[in-house]
Amino acid sequence: MPSTPIAIRRARGDEAGCLSDLAFRSKAHWGYPLDWLARWRPELTVNPQTLEATPTFVAVAEVVKLSV
């Protein structure tokens, strides 16, 4: 099976919404009650300014498109 090249990079501020959604869906996967999830939403929300100021707190893997 051929491997797909990936690169690990810092997350960008414009990805905060996607990362927040991922954090929320990951927590919801465990079947917590909806009112608990609602209470935790602030802690699961990634702030774009914080992400830019602290770029080491999350990394993103992306597929590398190789030019031939």
PDB file of N, CA and C in Angstrom:
ATOM      1  N   MET A   1       0.856  -1.168   0.000  1.00  0.00           N
ATOM      2  CA  MET A   1       0.000   0.000   0.000  1.00  0.00           C
ATOM      3  C   MET A   1       0.907   1.237   0.000  1.00  0.00           C
ATOM      4  N   PRO A   2       0.711   2.188  -0.938  1.00  0.00           N
ATOM      5  CA  PRO A   2       1.550   3.376  -0.995  1.00  0.00           C
ATOM      6  C   PRO A   2       1.254   4.298   0.184  1.00  0.00           C
ATOM      7  N   SER A   3       2.280   4.967   0.650  1.00  0.00           N
ATOM      8  CA  SER A   3       2.079   5.894   1.758  1.00  0.00           C
ATOM      9  C   SER A   3       1.752   7.281   1.214  1.00  0.00           C
ATOM     10  N   THR A   4       1.048   8.049   2.014  1.00  0.00           N
ATOM     11  CA  THR A   4       0.704   9.417   1.659  1.00  0.00           C
ATOM     12  C   THR A   4       1.587  10.350   2.463  1.00  0.00           C
ATOM     13  N   PRO A   5       2.379  11.188   1.800  1.00  0.00           N
ATOM     14  CA  PRO A   5       3.242  12.097   2.550  1.00  0.00           C
ATOM     15  C   PRO A   5       2.410  13.144   3.290  1.00  0.00           C
ATOM     16  N   ILE A   6       2.761  13.388   4.531  1.00  0.00           N
ATOM     17  CA  ILE A   6       2.090  14.425   5.317  1.00  0.00           C
ATOM     18  C   ILE A   6       3.141  15.340   5.920  1.00  0.00           C
ATOM     19  N   ALA A   7       2.717  16.513   6.280  1.00  0.00           N
ATOM     20  CA  ALA A   7       3.568  17.476   6.973  1.00  0.00           C
ATOM     21  C   ALA A   7       2.851  17.881   8.258  1.00  0.00           C
ATOM     22  N   ILE A   8       3.594  18.042   9.324  1.00  0.00           N
ATOM     23  CA  ILE A   8       3.041  18.536  10.582  1.00  0.00           C
ATOM     24  C   ILE A   8       3.384  20.022  10.639  1.00  0.00           C
ATOM     25  N   ARG A   9       2.381  20.847  10.847  1.00  0.00           N
ATOM     26  CA  ARG A   9       2.591  22.286  10.894  1.00  0.00           C
ATOM     27  C   ARG A   9       1.778  22.900  12.025  1.00  0.00           C
ATOM     28  N   ARG A  10       2.086  24.141  12.340  1.00  0.00           N
ATOM     29  CA  ARG A  10       1.319  24.867  13.344  1.00  0.00           C
ATOM     30  C   ARG A  10      -0.083  25.147  12.815  1.00  0.00           C
ATOM     31  N   ALA A  11      -1.030  25.119  13.710  1.00  0.00           N
ATOM     32  CA  ALA A  11      -2.390  25.501  13.338  1.00  0.00           C
ATOM     33  C   ALA A  11      -2.440  27.014  13.181  1.00  0.00           C
ATOM     34  N   ARG A  12      -3.307  27.483  12.283  1.00  0.00           N
ATOM     35  CA  ARG A  12      -3.481  28.914  12.048  1.00  0.00           C
ATOM     36  C   ARG A  12      -4.739  29.399  12.768  1.00  0.00           C
ATOM     37  N   GLY A  13      -4.762  30.685  13.046  1.00  0.00           N
ATOM     38  CA  GLY A  13      -5.920  31.283  13.710  1.00  0.00           C
ATOM     39  C   GLY A  13      -7.217  31.063  12.962  1.00  0.00           C
ATOM     40  N   ASP A  14      -7.143  31.035  11.617  1.00  0.00           N
ATOM     41  CA  ASP A  14      -8.365  30.845  10.836  1.00  0.00           C
ATOM     42  C   ASP A  14      -8.896  29.410  10.915  1.00  0.00           C
ATOM     43  N   GLU A  15      -8.173  28.523  11.572  1.00  0.00           N
ATOM     44  CA  GLU A  15      -8.624  27.139  11.764  1.00  0.00           C
ATOM     45  C   GLU A  15      -9.252  26.917  13.132  1.00  0.00           C
ATOM     46  N   ALA A  16      -9.363  27.964  13.930  1.00  0.00           N
ATOM     47  CA  ALA A  16      -9.890  27.833  15.295  1.00  0.00           C
ATOM     48  C   ALA A  16     -11.288  27.235  15.320  1.00  0.00           C
ATOM     49  N   GLY A  17     -12.145  27.641  14.394  1.00  0.00           N
ATOM     50  CA  GLY A  17     -13.509  27.104  14.363  1.00  0.00           C
ATOM     51  C   GLY A  17     -13.532  25.606  14.115  1.00  0.00           C
ATOM     52  N   CYS A  18     -12.729  25.152  13.157  1.00  0.00           N
ATOM     53  CA  CYS A  18     -12.657  23.710  12.858  1.00  0.00           C
ATOM     54  C   CYS A  18     -12.090  22.945  14.048  1.00  0.00           C
ATOM     55  N   LEU A  19     -11.089  23.514  14.693  1.00  0.00           N
ATOM     56  CA  LEU A  19     -10.482  22.838  15.840  1.00  0.00           C
ATOM     57  C   LEU A  19     -11.444  22.791  17.022  1.00  0.00           C
ATOM     58  N   SER A  20     -12.213  23.861  17.206  1.00  0.00           N
ATOM     59  CA  SER A  20     -13.224  23.877  18.269  1.00  0.00           C
ATOM     60  C   SER A  20     -14.272  22.804  18.006  1.00  0.00           C
ATOM     61  N   ASP A  21     -14.720  22.703  16.760  1.00  0.00           N
ATOM     62  CA  ASP A  21     -15.700  21.691  16.385  1.00  0.00           C
ATOM     63  C   ASP A  21     -15.152  20.287  16.621  1.00  0.00           C
ATOM     64  N   LEU A  22     -13.907  20.074  16.253  1.00  0.00           N
ATOM     65  CA  LEU A  22     -13.270  18.775  16.473  1.00  0.00           C
ATOM     66  C   LEU A  22     -13.200  18.442  17.962  1.00  0.00           C
ATOM     67  N   ALA A  23     -12.822  19.417  18.787  1.00  0.00           N
ATOM     68  CA  ALA A  23     -12.752  19.187  20.232  1.00  0.00           C
ATOM     69  C   ALA A  23     -14.132  18.834  20.795  1.00  0.00           C
ATOM     70  N   PHE A  24     -15.155  19.560  20.358  1.00  0.00           N
ATOM     71  CA  PHE A  24     -16.503  19.316  20.852  1.00  0.00           C
ATOM     72  C   PHE A  24     -17.006  17.941  20.423  1.00  0.00           C
ATOM     73  N   ARG A  25     -16.829  17.610  19.147  1.00  0.00           N
ATOM     74  CA  ARG A  25     -17.284  16.303  18.655  1.00  0.00           C
ATOM     75  C   ARG A  25     -16.521  15.168  19.316  1.00  0.00           C
ATOM     76  N   SER A  26     -15.239  15.391  19.600  1.00  0.00           N
ATOM     77  CA  SER A  26     -14.444  14.356  20.277  1.00  0.00           C
ATOM     78  C   SER A  26     -14.974  14.098  21.679  1.00  0.00           C
ATOM     79  N   LYS A  27     -15.315  15.156  22.396  1.00  0.00           N
ATOM     80  CA  LYS A  27     -15.871  15.010  23.744  1.00  0.00           C
ATOM     81  C   LYS A  27     -17.253  14.354  23.671  1.00  0.00           C
ATOM     82  N   ALA A  28     -18.056  14.752  22.694  1.00  0.00           N
ATOM     83  CA  ALA A  28     -19.417  14.207  22.552  1.00  0.00           C
ATOM     84  C   ALA A  28     -19.397  12.720  22.229  1.00  0.00           C
ATOM     85  N   HIS A  29     -18.333  12.261  21.607  1.00  0.00           N
ATOM     86  CA  HIS A  29     -18.216  10.849  21.236  1.00  0.00           C
ATOM     87  C   HIS A  29     -18.417   9.925  22.441  1.00  0.00           C
ATOM     88  N   TRP A  30     -18.053  10.385  23.618  1.00  0.00           N
ATOM     89  CA  TRP A  30     -18.110   9.536  24.811  1.00  0.00           C
ATOM     90  C   TRP A  30     -19.486   9.465  25.432  1.00  0.00           C
ATOM     91  N   GLY A  31     -20.490  10.106  24.822  1.00  0.00           N
ATOM     92  CA  GLY A  31     -21.867   9.954  25.283  1.00  0.00           C
ATOM     93  C   GLY A  31     -22.249  10.793  26.489  1.00  0.00           C
ATOM     94  N   TYR A  32     -21.527  11.866  26.739  1.00  0.00           N
ATOM     95  CA  TYR A  32     -21.897  12.746  27.855  1.00  0.00           C
ATOM     96  C   TYR A  32     -23.254  13.385  27.583  1.00  0.00           C
ATOM     97  N   PRO A  33     -24.003  13.707  28.628  1.00  0.00           N
ATOM     98  CA  PRO A  33     -25.293  14.373  28.443  1.00  0.00           C
ATOM     99  C   PRO A  33     -25.103  15.735  27.753  1.00  0.00           C
ATOM    100  N   LEU A  34     -26.099  16.135  26.973  1.00  0.00           N
ATOM    101  CA  LEU A  34     -26.002  17.388  26.226  1.00  0.00           C
ATOM    102  C   LEU A  34     -25.793  18.601  27.128  1.00  0.00           C
ATOM    103  N   ASP A  35     -26.408  18.612  28.321  1.00  0.00           N
ATOM    104  CA  ASP A  35     -26.219  19.767  29.200  1.00  0.00           C
ATOM    105  C   ASP A  35     -24.778  19.842  29.713  1.00  0.00           C
ATOM    106  N   TRP A  36     -24.114  18.718  29.895  1.00  0.00           N
ATOM    107  CA  TRP A  36     -22.700  18.721  30.287  1.00  0.00           C
ATOM    108  C   TRP A  36     -21.852  19.288  29.153  1.00  0.00           C
ATOM    109  N   LEU A  37     -22.135  18.814  27.927  1.00  0.00           N
ATOM    110  CA  LEU A  37     -21.384  19.303  26.770  1.00  0.00           C
ATOM    111  C   LEU A  37     -21.562  20.805  26.610  1.00  0.00           C
ATOM    112  N   ALA A  38     -22.773  21.297  26.803  1.00  0.00           N
ATOM    113  CA  ALA A  38     -23.024  22.735  26.702  1.00  0.00           C
ATOM    114  C   ALA A  38     -22.216  23.493  27.754  1.00  0.00           C
ATOM    115  N   ARG A  39     -22.134  22.945  28.947  1.00  0.00           N
ATOM    116  CA  ARG A  39     -21.369  23.576  30.024  1.00  0.00           C
ATOM    117  C   ARG A  39     -19.874  23.601  29.698  1.00  0.00           C
ATOM    118  N   TRP A  40     -19.400  22.583  28.995  1.00  0.00           N
ATOM    119  CA  TRP A  40     -17.970  22.479  28.666  1.00  0.00           C
ATOM    120  C   TRP A  40     -17.583  23.233  27.398  1.00  0.00           C
ATOM    121  N   ARG A  41     -18.561  23.710  26.628  1.00  0.00           N
ATOM    122  CA  ARG A  41     -18.250  24.346  25.346  1.00  0.00           C
ATOM    123  C   ARG A  41     -17.195  25.453  25.461  1.00  0.00           C
ATOM    124  N   PRO A  42     -17.258  26.336  26.467  1.00  0.00           N
ATOM    125  CA  PRO A  42     -16.216  27.376  26.543  1.00  0.00           C
ATOM    126  C   PRO A  42     -14.790  26.801  26.643  1.00  0.00           C
ATOM    127  N   GLU A  43     -14.627  25.714  27.388  1.00  0.00           N
ATOM    128  CA  GLU A  43     -13.310  25.106  27.521  1.00  0.00           C
ATOM    129  C   GLU A  43     -12.876  24.369  26.256  1.00  0.00           C
ATOM    130  N   LEU A  44     -13.838  23.980  25.436  1.00  0.00           N
ATOM    131  CA  LEU A  44     -13.546  23.251  24.203  1.00  0.00           C
ATOM    132  C   LEU A  44     -13.404  24.184  22.998  1.00  0.00           C
ATOM    133  N   THR A  45     -13.612  25.472  23.226  1.00  0.00           N
ATOM    134  CA  THR A  45     -13.542  26.454  22.145  1.00  0.00           C
ATOM    135  C   THR A  45     -12.125  26.999  22.029  1.00  0.00           C
ATOM    136  N   VAL A  46     -11.587  26.909  20.823  1.00  0.00           N
ATOM    137  CA  VAL A  46     -10.239  27.404  20.545  1.00  0.00           C
ATOM    138  C   VAL A  46     -10.356  28.856  20.099  1.00  0.00           C
ATOM    139  N   ASN A  47      -9.665  29.738  20.789  1.00  0.00           N
ATOM    140  CA  ASN A  47      -9.670  31.164  20.481  1.00  0.00           C
ATOM    141  C   ASN A  47      -8.596  31.448  19.426  1.00  0.00           C
ATOM    142  N   PRO A  48      -8.943  32.071  18.301  1.00  0.00           N
ATOM    143  CA  PRO A  48      -7.954  32.300  17.246  1.00  0.00           C
ATOM    144  C   PRO A  48      -6.773  33.155  17.705  1.00  0.00           C
ATOM    145  N   GLN A  49      -7.034  34.150  18.563  1.00  0.00           N
ATOM    146  CA  GLN A  49      -5.942  34.999  19.051  1.00  0.00           C
ATOM    147  C   GLN A  49      -4.990  34.198  19.940  1.00  0.00           C
ATOM    148  N   THR A  50      -5.540  33.352  20.790  1.00  0.00           N
ATOM    149  CA  THR A  50      -4.701  32.510  21.643  1.00  0.00           C
ATOM    150  C   THR A  50      -3.907  31.538  20.795  1.00  0.00           C
ATOM    151  N   LEU A  51      -4.538  30.996  19.768  1.00  0.00           N
ATOM    152  CA  LEU A  51      -3.865  30.058  18.885  1.00  0.00           C
ATOM    153  C   LEU A  51      -2.679  30.724  18.189  1.00  0.00           C
ATOM    154  N   GLU A  52      -2.848  31.944  17.737  1.00  0.00           N
ATOM    155  CA  GLU A  52      -1.758  32.665  17.081  1.00  0.00           C
ATOM    156  C   GLU A  52      -0.657  33.028  18.079  1.00  0.00           C
ATOM    157  N   ALA A  53      -1.045  33.395  19.301  1.00  0.00           N
ATOM    158  CA  ALA A  53      -0.064  33.795  20.302  1.00  0.00           C
ATOM    159  C   ALA A  53       0.679  32.615  20.900  1.00  0.00           C
ATOM    160  N   THR A  54       0.050  31.436  20.891  1.00  0.00           N
ATOM    161  CA  THR A  54       0.630  30.231  21.476  1.00  0.00           C
ATOM    162  C   THR A  54       0.590  29.125  20.428  1.00  0.00           C
ATOM    163  N   PRO A  55       1.395  29.255  19.374  1.00  0.00           N
ATOM    164  CA  PRO A  55       1.268  28.325  18.248  1.00  0.00           C
ATOM    165  C   PRO A  55       1.695  26.892  18.541  1.00  0.00           C
ATOM    166  N   THR A  56       2.287  26.636  19.686  1.00  0.00           N
ATOM    167  CA  THR A  56       2.737  25.284  19.976  1.00  0.00           C
ATOM    168  C   THR A  56       1.660  24.431  20.636  1.00  0.00           C
ATOM    169  N   PHE A  57       0.488  25.001  20.931  1.00  0.00           N
ATOM    170  CA  PHE A  57      -0.478  24.205  21.678  1.00  0.00           C
ATOM    171  C   PHE A  57      -1.269  23.253  20.802  1.00  0.00           C
ATOM    172  N   VAL A  58      -1.151  23.348  19.490  1.00  0.00           N
ATOM    173  CA  VAL A  58      -1.818  22.403  18.606  1.00  0.00           C
ATOM    174  C   VAL A  58      -1.034  22.297  17.302  1.00  0.00           C
ATOM    175  N   ALA A  59      -1.009  21.131  16.738  1.00  0.00           N
ATOM    176  CA  ALA A  59      -0.359  20.914  15.439  1.00  0.00           C
ATOM    177  C   ALA A  59      -1.357  20.251  14.503  1.00  0.00           C
ATOM    178  N   VAL A  60      -1.195  20.499  13.218  1.00  0.00           N
ATOM    179  CA  VAL A  60      -2.087  19.973  12.193  1.00  0.00           C
ATOM    180  C   VAL A  60      -1.274  19.127  11.228  1.00  0.00           C
ATOM    181  N   ALA A  61      -1.796  17.962  10.896  1.00  0.00           N
ATOM    182  CA  ALA A  61      -1.172  17.129   9.861  1.00  0.00           C
ATOM    183  C   ALA A  61      -1.945  17.344   8.574  1.00  0.00           C
ATOM    184  N   GLU A  62      -1.243  17.615   7.499  1.00  0.00           N
ATOM    185  CA  GLU A  62      -1.916  17.791   6.222  1.00  0.00           C
ATOM    186  C   GLU A  62      -1.200  17.007   5.144  1.00  0.00           C
ATOM    187  N   VAL A  63      -1.958  16.569   4.168  1.00  0.00           N
ATOM    188  CA  VAL A  63      -1.407  15.809   3.049  1.00  0.00           C
ATOM    189  C   VAL A  63      -0.554  16.759   2.217  1.00  0.00           C
ATOM    190  N   VAL A  64       0.635  16.308   1.867  1.00  0.00           N
ATOM    191  CA  VAL A  64       1.545  17.102   1.050  1.00  0.00           C
ATOM    192  C   VAL A  64       1.323  16.721  -0.412  1.00  0.00           C
ATOM    193  N   LYS A  65       1.039  17.728  -1.217  1.00  0.00           N
ATOM    194  CA  LYS A  65       0.881  17.486  -2.650  1.00  0.00           C
ATOM    195  C   LYS A  65       2.253  17.597  -3.297  1.00  0.00           C
ATOM    196  N   LEU A  66       2.727  16.506  -3.840  1.00  0.00           N
ATOM    197  CA  LEU A  66       4.036  16.480  -4.462  1.00  0.00           C
ATOM    198  C   LEU A  66       3.926  16.913  -5.911  1.00  0.00           C
ATOM    199  N   SER A  67       4.844  17.790  -6.322  1.00  0.00           N
ATOM    200  CA  SER A  67       4.868  18.160  -7.735  1.00  0.00           C
ATOM    201  C   SER A  67       5.764  17.174  -8.476  1.00  0.00           C
ATOM    202  N   VAL A  68       5.374  16.828  -9.649  1.00  0.00           N
ATOM    203  CA  VAL A  68       6.111  15.825 -10.424  1.00  0.00           C
ATOM    204  C   VAL A  68       6.930  16.480 -11.495  1.00  0.00           C
TER     205      VAL A  68
END
